[in-house]
Structures are given as C-alpha cells and as structure tokens.
Protein backbone atom coordinates (compact mmCIF):
# COMPACT_ATOMS: atom_id res chain seq x y z
CA GLY A 1 0.00 0.00 0.00
CA GLY A 2 1.68 3.10 -1.30
CA THR A 3 -0.06 6.38 -1.86
CA ASN A 4 -2.03 7.01 -4.99
CA PRO A 5 -0.55 9.53 -7.41
CA VAL A 6 -2.32 12.87 -7.59
CA ALA A 7 -3.25 14.20 -10.98
CA LEU A 8 -2.34 17.84 -11.48
CA VAL A 9 -5.41 19.51 -12.87
CA PRO A 10 -4.99 23.21 -13.64
CA LYS A 11 -7.58 25.47 -12.09
CA GLN A 12 -10.14 26.38 -14.73
CA THR A 13 -10.68 30.13 -15.03
CA PRO A 14 -12.99 31.41 -17.74
CA LEU A 15 -11.49 33.95 -20.09
CA PRO A 16 -13.19 37.35 -20.20
CA ALA A 17 -15.34 37.88 -23.28
CA SER A 18 -13.31 40.93 -24.36
CA SER A 19 -10.09 38.91 -24.73
CA ILE A 20 -11.60 36.43 -27.17
CA ASP A 21 -11.14 37.57 -30.74
CA SER A 22 -13.69 36.16 -33.13
CA ALA A 23 -11.15 36.14 -35.99
CA PHE A 24 -9.07 33.46 -34.22
CA ASP A 25 -11.99 31.20 -33.25
CA ALA A 26 -11.88 27.74 -34.76
CA PRO A 27 -14.93 27.00 -36.87
CA THR A 28 -17.49 25.35 -34.66
CA GLN A 29 -18.43 21.87 -35.70
CA PRO A 30 -21.44 20.01 -34.44
CA ALA A 31 -20.63 17.37 -31.86
CA PRO A 32 -20.24 13.97 -33.49
CA LYS A 33 -23.04 11.49 -32.89
CA LEU A 34 -21.94 8.71 -30.59
CA SER A 35 -23.29 5.21 -30.78
CA ASN A 36 -25.00 3.57 -27.81
CA LYS A 37 -21.93 1.39 -27.33
CA GLN A 38 -19.68 4.46 -27.09
CA LEU A 39 -22.08 6.22 -24.72
CA LYS A 40 -22.29 3.13 -22.52
CA ALA A 41 -18.48 2.81 -22.46
CA ARG A 42 -18.16 6.48 -21.50
CA ARG A 43 -20.69 6.17 -18.66
CA TYR A 44 -18.93 3.03 -17.38
CA ALA A 45 -15.53 4.75 -17.50
CA GLN A 46 -16.87 7.81 -15.65
CA ALA A 47 -18.58 5.71 -12.99
CA ASN A 48 -15.49 3.56 -12.33
CA ALA A 49 -12.90 6.32 -12.64
CA LYS A 50 -10.82 7.02 -9.54
CA PRO A 51 -11.50 10.47 -8.14
CA GLN A 52 -8.84 12.99 -9.05
CA LEU A 53 -7.72 15.66 -6.64
CA ALA A 54 -7.50 19.08 -8.24
CA VAL A 55 -4.31 20.85 -7.19
CA GLU A 56 -3.74 24.53 -7.73
CA ILE A 57 -0.74 25.42 -9.85
CA ALA A 58 1.95 27.24 -7.85
CA HIS A 59 2.18 31.02 -7.90
CA PRO A 60 4.83 32.31 -10.35
CA GLY A 61 6.76 33.75 -7.39
CA GLN A 62 7.31 30.24 -6.05
CA SER A 63 9.56 29.05 -8.87
CA TYR A 64 13.30 28.39 -8.54
CA HIS A 65 14.36 31.82 -9.82
CA PRO A 66 11.28 34.06 -9.58
CA ASP A 67 11.07 37.72 -10.45
CA ARG A 68 11.49 39.87 -7.36
CA GLU A 69 8.03 41.42 -7.75
CA GLN A 70 6.28 38.06 -8.21
CA HIS A 71 8.16 36.64 -5.22
CA GLN A 72 7.09 39.58 -3.04
CA ASP A 73 3.47 39.04 -4.15
CA ALA A 74 3.67 35.35 -3.20
CA ILE A 75 5.18 36.20 0.20
CA GLY A 76 2.47 38.83 0.77
CA GLU A 77 -0.29 36.34 0.02
CA ALA A 78 1.26 33.73 2.32
CA LEU A 79 1.66 36.33 5.07
CA SER A 80 -1.98 37.40 4.83
CA ILE A 81 -3.10 33.76 5.07
CA GLU A 82 -0.90 33.20 8.15
CA ILE A 83 -2.18 36.39 9.81
CA ARG A 84 -5.80 35.32 9.25
CA ARG A 85 -4.97 31.82 10.56
CA ASN A 86 -3.35 33.27 13.71
CA GLU A 87 -6.32 35.61 14.29
CA ALA A 88 -8.72 32.68 14.00
CA GLU A 89 -6.60 30.63 16.44
CA GLU A 90 -6.52 33.51 18.94
CA TYR A 91 -10.27 33.94 18.61
CA LYS A 92 -10.83 30.22 19.29
CA SER A 93 -8.51 30.17 22.31
CA LYS A 94 -9.86 33.41 23.80
CA PRO A 95 -12.26 32.83 26.73
CA ILE A 96 -15.89 33.58 26.07
CA SER A 97 -16.04 36.18 28.81
CA GLU A 98 -13.57 38.00 31.00
CA GLY A 99 -15.04 36.50 34.16
CA MET A 100 -17.66 37.71 36.59
CA SER A 101 -18.45 41.38 36.94
CA ASP A 102 -17.76 43.09 40.27
CA PHE A 103 -21.49 43.28 40.98
CA THR A 104 -21.90 39.53 40.47
CA LYS A 105 -18.91 38.71 42.67
CA GLU A 106 -20.23 41.00 45.41
CA PHE A 107 -23.68 39.43 45.18
CA ILE A 108 -22.33 35.87 45.42
CA VAL A 109 -19.65 36.43 48.06
CA GLY A 110 -21.32 39.18 50.08
CA SER A 111 -20.23 42.70 50.92
CA ASP A 112 -16.60 43.54 51.74
CA ASP A 113 -17.50 44.87 55.24
CA GLU A 114 -18.79 41.47 56.38
CA GLU A 115 -15.68 39.73 55.06
CA GLU A 116 -13.30 42.05 56.92
CA GLU A 117 -15.07 41.47 60.23
CA GLU A 118 -15.12 37.69 59.77
CA SER A 119 -11.49 37.51 58.64
CA SER A 120 -10.25 39.56 61.62
CA ASP A 121 -12.14 37.24 64.03
CA GLU A 122 -10.68 34.16 62.34
CA GLU A 123 -7.13 35.54 62.55
CA GLU A 124 -7.47 36.14 66.31
CA GLU A 125 -8.74 32.58 66.86
CA GLU A 126 -5.85 31.12 64.84
CA GLU A 127 -3.29 33.06 66.89
CA GLU A 128 -4.78 31.83 70.18
CA GLU A 129 -4.78 28.20 68.96
CA SER A 130 -1.21 28.32 67.72
CA ALA A 131 0.09 29.77 71.01
CA GLY A 132 -1.40 27.12 73.32
CA ALA A 133 -1.67 24.16 70.98
CA VAL A 134 0.72 21.25 71.02
CA THR A 135 2.03 20.52 67.58
CA MET A 136 1.29 17.02 66.44
CA GLU A 137 3.53 15.45 63.87
CA LEU A 138 1.82 13.40 61.23
CA ILE A 139 3.17 9.89 61.15
CA LYS A 140 3.36 8.57 57.65
CA LYS A 141 1.89 5.13 57.28
CA LYS A 142 4.42 2.70 55.88
CA GLY A 143 3.47 1.36 52.50
CA LYS A 144 4.36 -2.02 51.08
CA LEU A 145 8.05 -2.78 51.19
CA THR A 146 9.98 -4.13 48.28
CA LYS A 147 11.73 -7.49 48.55
CA ALA A 148 15.11 -5.74 48.85
CA GLN A 149 13.82 -3.58 51.74
CA ARG A 150 12.43 -6.63 53.57
CA ASN A 151 15.75 -8.50 53.17
CA LYS A 152 17.63 -5.44 54.47
CA GLN A 153 15.39 -5.33 57.58
CA LYS A 154 16.05 -9.06 58.21
CA ARG A 155 19.84 -8.54 58.01
CA VAL A 156 19.75 -5.59 60.45
CA LYS A 157 17.74 -7.50 63.11
C-alpha cells in the first residue's frame, strides 16, 4: 500500500469575453453522434474512474528563480493567510467572557464589610490556637516494602 498519485489539474478560469477575438476562433463543428456502445463505455468509465484531486498550480513567485516582484506578491499572500490563521486561532482560544463582573462577585460572596469582620475574628482565633496548641507530627503510614527492603530489615535484626 503506497499512496495514490495525484493528478495535477490546472484550475479552470474562464477567459473574459473581451479577450476572445472572433477572428481566431476555430470554426465550430457540431458534436459527433456517438453510438449507444460508445455512450455506454463512457458512462462506465466515468462511474469507475478514480476520483482525481484538483491541485492549484503554484504562484509564479514560487519558482526556482522568480522575479522579485512576483516573489514579493507570493510572500504577501502567504503572510496574509498566516495572519488570518493566527487571528482565527486567537479567537478560538480566547475565553468567552472575562469572568464575573464586580457586581456579580459582590452578590455571590457578600459585601466587603462582612468579610473584613469575619477575617479579623478568624485571625485572632488562629493566633490563640497556635500559642497554646501542642504541635502534632503526622506519622506517615508505611506502604508495602519491596523485597530488597524486607531483606535489608532481616539482616539488620
């Protein structure tokens, strides 16, 4: 399983009507009548044809030795695409809102005066506890020992 080759199909752009000179037009001939067998073969070929991926032809400024002006145009186009891509990425990563408004915070938490009174009371209680309290050290519960640790304990005893 390798990758399928991609057919390069030039982008079709219609020519403006003013650029077509009627003197150079090939004489139009009616389309030839196709037999049922030919029509059937064409339909079969179109139905079973592998889909082709249309690829845009590179900008003239992307060649090996481009003209300076064409190269600058190609760089400008690429830069504008990157700028738009970065703006879209920033827009997606930006939070929907800047957070709660001051009014909402005040409503949820309460007024600042109540908080100051409560916090000063709590600080006094903490100071009293820390002065008279005996500090208790937390004893870490021993986990499972490895075989090497158990053997070491046996040797020491």
